[in-house]
């Protein structure tokens, strides 16, 4: 049940992360949702490692989504620049 809740929060976090980091990203709504879900699991994992409850839930998910979104932008622009 915890993983299902983390994924649902991740869907919201993906949208919020996209709002906080506007710009052109490769991929559409599906990629944004996957980034949000991944960010939610990342935030959950990091908060568990640090034992910090501040990062639980939506705050950690949004921070995780931002980290993954920045990484996605970096990797995708490097790949696009390499192929062209």
N, C-alpha and C. Protein backbone atom coordinates (compact mmCIF):
# COMPACT_ATOMS: atom_id res chain seq x y z
N UNK A 1 0.82 -1.19 0.00
CA UNK A 1 0.00 0.00 0.00
C UNK A 1 0.86 1.26 0.00
N UNK A 2 2.00 1.19 0.69
CA UNK A 2 2.91 2.33 0.75
C UNK A 2 3.42 2.69 -0.64
N UNK A 3 3.74 1.69 -1.46
CA UNK A 3 4.25 1.96 -2.80
C UNK A 3 3.18 2.57 -3.70
N UNK A 4 1.95 2.15 -3.53
CA UNK A 4 0.85 2.71 -4.31
C UNK A 4 0.65 4.19 -3.95
N UNK A 5 0.67 4.49 -2.67
CA UNK A 5 0.53 5.88 -2.23
C UNK A 5 1.70 6.72 -2.73
N UNK A 6 2.91 6.18 -2.69
CA UNK A 6 4.09 6.89 -3.17
C UNK A 6 3.95 7.20 -4.66
N UNK A 7 3.42 6.26 -5.43
CA UNK A 7 3.23 6.48 -6.87
C UNK A 7 2.15 7.53 -7.13
N UNK A 8 1.08 7.52 -6.36
CA UNK A 8 0.02 8.51 -6.54
C UNK A 8 0.54 9.91 -6.20
N UNK A 9 1.28 10.02 -5.12
CA UNK A 9 1.88 11.31 -4.76
C UNK A 9 2.87 11.73 -5.85
N UNK A 10 3.55 10.77 -6.44
CA UNK A 10 4.50 11.06 -7.51
C UNK A 10 3.85 11.67 -8.74
N UNK A 11 2.64 11.26 -9.05
CA UNK A 11 1.93 11.85 -10.18
C UNK A 11 1.69 13.35 -9.96
N UNK A 12 1.32 13.69 -8.75
CA UNK A 12 1.12 15.10 -8.40
C UNK A 12 2.46 15.82 -8.40
N UNK A 13 3.48 15.17 -7.87
CA UNK A 13 4.80 15.79 -7.78
C UNK A 13 5.39 16.06 -9.16
N UNK A 14 5.11 15.21 -10.12
CA UNK A 14 5.59 15.44 -11.48
C UNK A 14 5.05 16.73 -12.05
N UNK A 15 3.77 16.97 -11.86
CA UNK A 15 3.16 18.22 -12.32
C UNK A 15 3.71 19.43 -11.59
N UNK A 16 3.87 19.31 -10.28
CA UNK A 16 4.42 20.43 -9.51
C UNK A 16 5.88 20.69 -9.86
N UNK A 17 6.64 19.63 -10.06
CA UNK A 17 8.03 19.80 -10.46
C UNK A 17 8.15 20.49 -11.81
N UNK A 18 7.27 20.14 -12.72
CA UNK A 18 7.24 20.77 -14.04
C UNK A 18 6.86 22.25 -13.93
N UNK A 19 5.96 22.58 -13.02
CA UNK A 19 5.59 23.98 -12.80
C UNK A 19 6.74 24.78 -12.22
N UNK A 20 7.52 24.16 -11.33
CA UNK A 20 8.64 24.85 -10.70
C UNK A 20 9.84 24.97 -11.63
N UNK A 21 9.96 24.08 -12.60
CA UNK A 21 11.05 24.13 -13.58
C UNK A 21 10.47 24.18 -14.98
N UNK A 22 9.91 25.33 -15.36
CA UNK A 22 9.32 25.41 -16.70
C UNK A 22 10.40 25.37 -17.77
N UNK A 23 9.99 25.04 -18.94
CA UNK A 23 10.92 25.00 -20.06
C UNK A 23 10.57 23.84 -20.96
N UNK A 24 11.30 23.77 -22.06
CA UNK A 24 11.05 22.71 -23.03
C UNK A 24 11.80 21.45 -22.60
N UNK A 25 11.07 20.41 -22.41
CA UNK A 25 11.64 19.12 -22.05
C UNK A 25 11.30 18.11 -23.11
N UNK A 26 12.24 17.22 -23.40
CA UNK A 26 11.90 16.13 -24.31
C UNK A 26 10.92 15.17 -23.63
N UNK A 27 9.89 14.83 -24.30
CA UNK A 27 8.88 13.96 -23.72
C UNK A 27 7.63 14.75 -23.38
N UNK A 28 6.57 14.05 -23.19
CA UNK A 28 5.30 14.71 -22.90
C UNK A 28 4.81 14.40 -21.51
N UNK A 29 3.51 14.24 -21.41
CA UNK A 29 2.87 14.04 -20.12
C UNK A 29 3.26 12.71 -19.49
N UNK A 30 3.47 11.69 -20.31
CA UNK A 30 3.85 10.37 -19.77
C UNK A 30 5.23 10.45 -19.11
N UNK A 31 6.17 11.13 -19.77
CA UNK A 31 7.51 11.28 -19.20
C UNK A 31 7.44 12.10 -17.92
N UNK A 32 6.63 13.13 -17.91
CA UNK A 32 6.47 13.95 -16.71
C UNK A 32 5.90 13.13 -15.56
N UNK A 33 4.93 12.27 -15.85
CA UNK A 33 4.36 11.41 -14.80
C UNK A 33 5.40 10.43 -14.29
N UNK A 34 6.18 9.85 -15.20
CA UNK A 34 7.21 8.89 -14.78
C UNK A 34 8.29 9.58 -13.95
N UNK A 35 8.66 10.79 -14.34
CA UNK A 35 9.64 11.55 -13.56
C UNK A 35 9.08 11.84 -12.17
N UNK A 36 7.82 12.18 -12.09
CA UNK A 36 7.20 12.43 -10.79
C UNK A 36 7.17 11.19 -9.91
N UNK A 37 6.83 10.06 -10.49
CA UNK A 37 6.81 8.81 -9.72
C UNK A 37 8.22 8.45 -9.27
N UNK A 38 9.18 8.59 -10.17
CA UNK A 38 10.57 8.32 -9.79
C UNK A 38 11.04 9.28 -8.71
N UNK A 39 10.66 10.55 -8.83
CA UNK A 39 11.02 11.53 -7.81
C UNK A 39 10.40 11.22 -6.47
N UNK A 40 9.21 10.71 -6.49
CA UNK A 40 8.54 10.35 -5.25
C UNK A 40 9.27 9.20 -4.55
N UNK A 41 9.66 8.21 -5.32
CA UNK A 41 10.41 7.10 -4.73
C UNK A 41 11.79 7.56 -4.28
N UNK A 42 12.43 8.46 -5.03
CA UNK A 42 13.73 9.00 -4.63
C UNK A 42 13.61 9.79 -3.33
N UNK A 43 12.60 10.65 -3.24
CA UNK A 43 12.38 11.41 -2.01
C UNK A 43 12.08 10.51 -0.82
N UNK A 44 11.32 9.46 -1.05
CA UNK A 44 11.01 8.51 0.01
C UNK A 44 12.26 7.78 0.46
N UNK A 45 13.10 7.40 -0.48
CA UNK A 45 14.33 6.67 -0.16
C UNK A 45 15.30 7.56 0.61
N UNK A 46 15.49 8.79 0.14
CA UNK A 46 16.43 9.70 0.80
C UNK A 46 15.95 10.07 2.20
N UNK A 47 14.66 10.31 2.34
CA UNK A 47 14.14 10.63 3.68
C UNK A 47 14.30 9.44 4.62
N UNK A 48 14.18 8.23 4.10
CA UNK A 48 14.40 7.06 4.93
C UNK A 48 15.85 6.92 5.35
N UNK A 49 16.77 7.24 4.43
CA UNK A 49 18.19 7.18 4.76
C UNK A 49 18.58 8.23 5.80
N UNK A 50 18.05 9.42 5.65
CA UNK A 50 18.40 10.51 6.55
C UNK A 50 17.58 10.52 7.83
N UNK A 51 16.46 9.82 7.82
CA UNK A 51 15.59 9.80 8.98
C UNK A 51 14.89 11.14 9.20
N UNK A 52 14.69 11.88 8.11
CA UNK A 52 14.06 13.20 8.19
C UNK A 52 12.60 13.06 7.76
N UNK A 53 11.70 13.48 8.61
CA UNK A 53 10.28 13.38 8.25
C UNK A 53 9.81 14.58 7.45
N UNK A 54 10.62 15.65 7.39
CA UNK A 54 10.25 16.83 6.62
C UNK A 54 10.09 16.49 5.15
N UNK A 55 10.89 15.56 4.66
CA UNK A 55 10.87 15.23 3.25
C UNK A 55 9.85 14.16 2.90
N UNK A 56 9.12 13.69 3.88
CA UNK A 56 8.10 12.69 3.58
C UNK A 56 6.97 13.31 2.78
N UNK A 57 6.35 12.50 1.96
CA UNK A 57 5.17 12.95 1.24
C UNK A 57 5.49 13.83 0.05
N UNK A 58 4.69 14.83 -0.12
CA UNK A 58 4.73 15.64 -1.33
C UNK A 58 6.00 16.48 -1.44
N UNK A 59 6.52 16.99 -0.35
CA UNK A 59 7.73 17.82 -0.41
C UNK A 59 8.91 17.02 -0.93
N UNK A 60 9.12 15.84 -0.37
CA UNK A 60 10.20 14.99 -0.84
C UNK A 60 10.00 14.53 -2.27
N UNK A 61 8.77 14.28 -2.64
CA UNK A 61 8.46 13.84 -4.00
C UNK A 61 8.76 14.95 -5.01
N UNK A 62 8.39 16.18 -4.67
CA UNK A 62 8.66 17.30 -5.58
C UNK A 62 10.16 17.53 -5.69
N UNK A 63 10.87 17.50 -4.57
CA UNK A 63 12.33 17.66 -4.62
C UNK A 63 12.98 16.55 -5.44
N UNK A 64 12.52 15.33 -5.24
CA UNK A 64 13.04 14.22 -6.03
C UNK A 64 12.71 14.36 -7.51
N UNK A 65 11.51 14.83 -7.82
CA UNK A 65 11.13 15.04 -9.21
C UNK A 65 11.97 16.12 -9.86
N UNK A 66 12.30 17.17 -9.11
CA UNK A 66 13.15 18.23 -9.64
C UNK A 66 14.54 17.70 -9.94
N UNK A 67 15.08 16.89 -9.03
CA UNK A 67 16.41 16.31 -9.26
C UNK A 67 16.41 15.44 -10.50
N UNK A 68 15.40 14.59 -10.63
CA UNK A 68 15.33 13.71 -11.80
C UNK A 68 15.08 14.51 -13.07
N UNK A 69 14.25 15.54 -13.00
CA UNK A 69 13.98 16.38 -14.17
C UNK A 69 15.25 17.10 -14.63
N UNK A 70 16.02 17.62 -13.70
CA UNK A 70 17.29 18.26 -14.08
C UNK A 70 18.25 17.25 -14.71
N UNK A 71 18.31 16.06 -14.14
CA UNK A 71 19.15 15.01 -14.72
C UNK A 71 18.67 14.62 -16.11
N UNK A 72 17.36 14.52 -16.28
CA UNK A 72 16.78 14.17 -17.59
C UNK A 72 17.10 15.23 -18.62
N UNK A 73 16.99 16.48 -18.23
CA UNK A 73 17.33 17.57 -19.16
C UNK A 73 18.80 17.51 -19.55
N UNK A 74 19.66 17.28 -18.58
CA UNK A 74 21.09 17.22 -18.85
C UNK A 74 21.43 16.08 -19.80
N UNK A 75 20.93 14.90 -19.49
CA UNK A 75 21.23 13.72 -20.31
C UNK A 75 20.63 13.86 -21.71
N UNK A 76 19.40 14.32 -21.79
CA UNK A 76 18.74 14.39 -23.10
C UNK A 76 19.38 15.46 -23.98
N UNK A 77 19.80 16.59 -23.42
CA UNK A 77 20.45 17.59 -24.25
C UNK A 77 21.83 17.12 -24.70
N UNK A 78 22.53 16.39 -23.87
CA UNK A 78 23.83 15.84 -24.28
C UNK A 78 23.65 14.83 -25.38
N UNK A 79 22.60 14.02 -25.29
CA UNK A 79 22.34 13.01 -26.33
C UNK A 79 21.93 13.68 -27.64
N UNK A 80 21.10 14.71 -27.55
CA UNK A 80 20.65 15.40 -28.74
C UNK A 80 21.80 16.14 -29.43
N UNK A 81 22.68 16.74 -28.65
CA UNK A 81 23.81 17.46 -29.21
C UNK A 81 24.83 16.50 -29.83
N UNK A 82 24.91 15.31 -29.30
CA UNK A 82 25.86 14.32 -29.81
C UNK A 82 25.42 13.75 -31.15
N UNK A 83 24.12 13.59 -31.34
CA UNK A 83 23.62 12.97 -32.56
C UNK A 83 23.48 13.97 -33.70
N UNK A 84 23.44 15.26 -33.42
CA UNK A 84 23.25 16.23 -34.49
C UNK A 84 24.55 16.84 -34.94
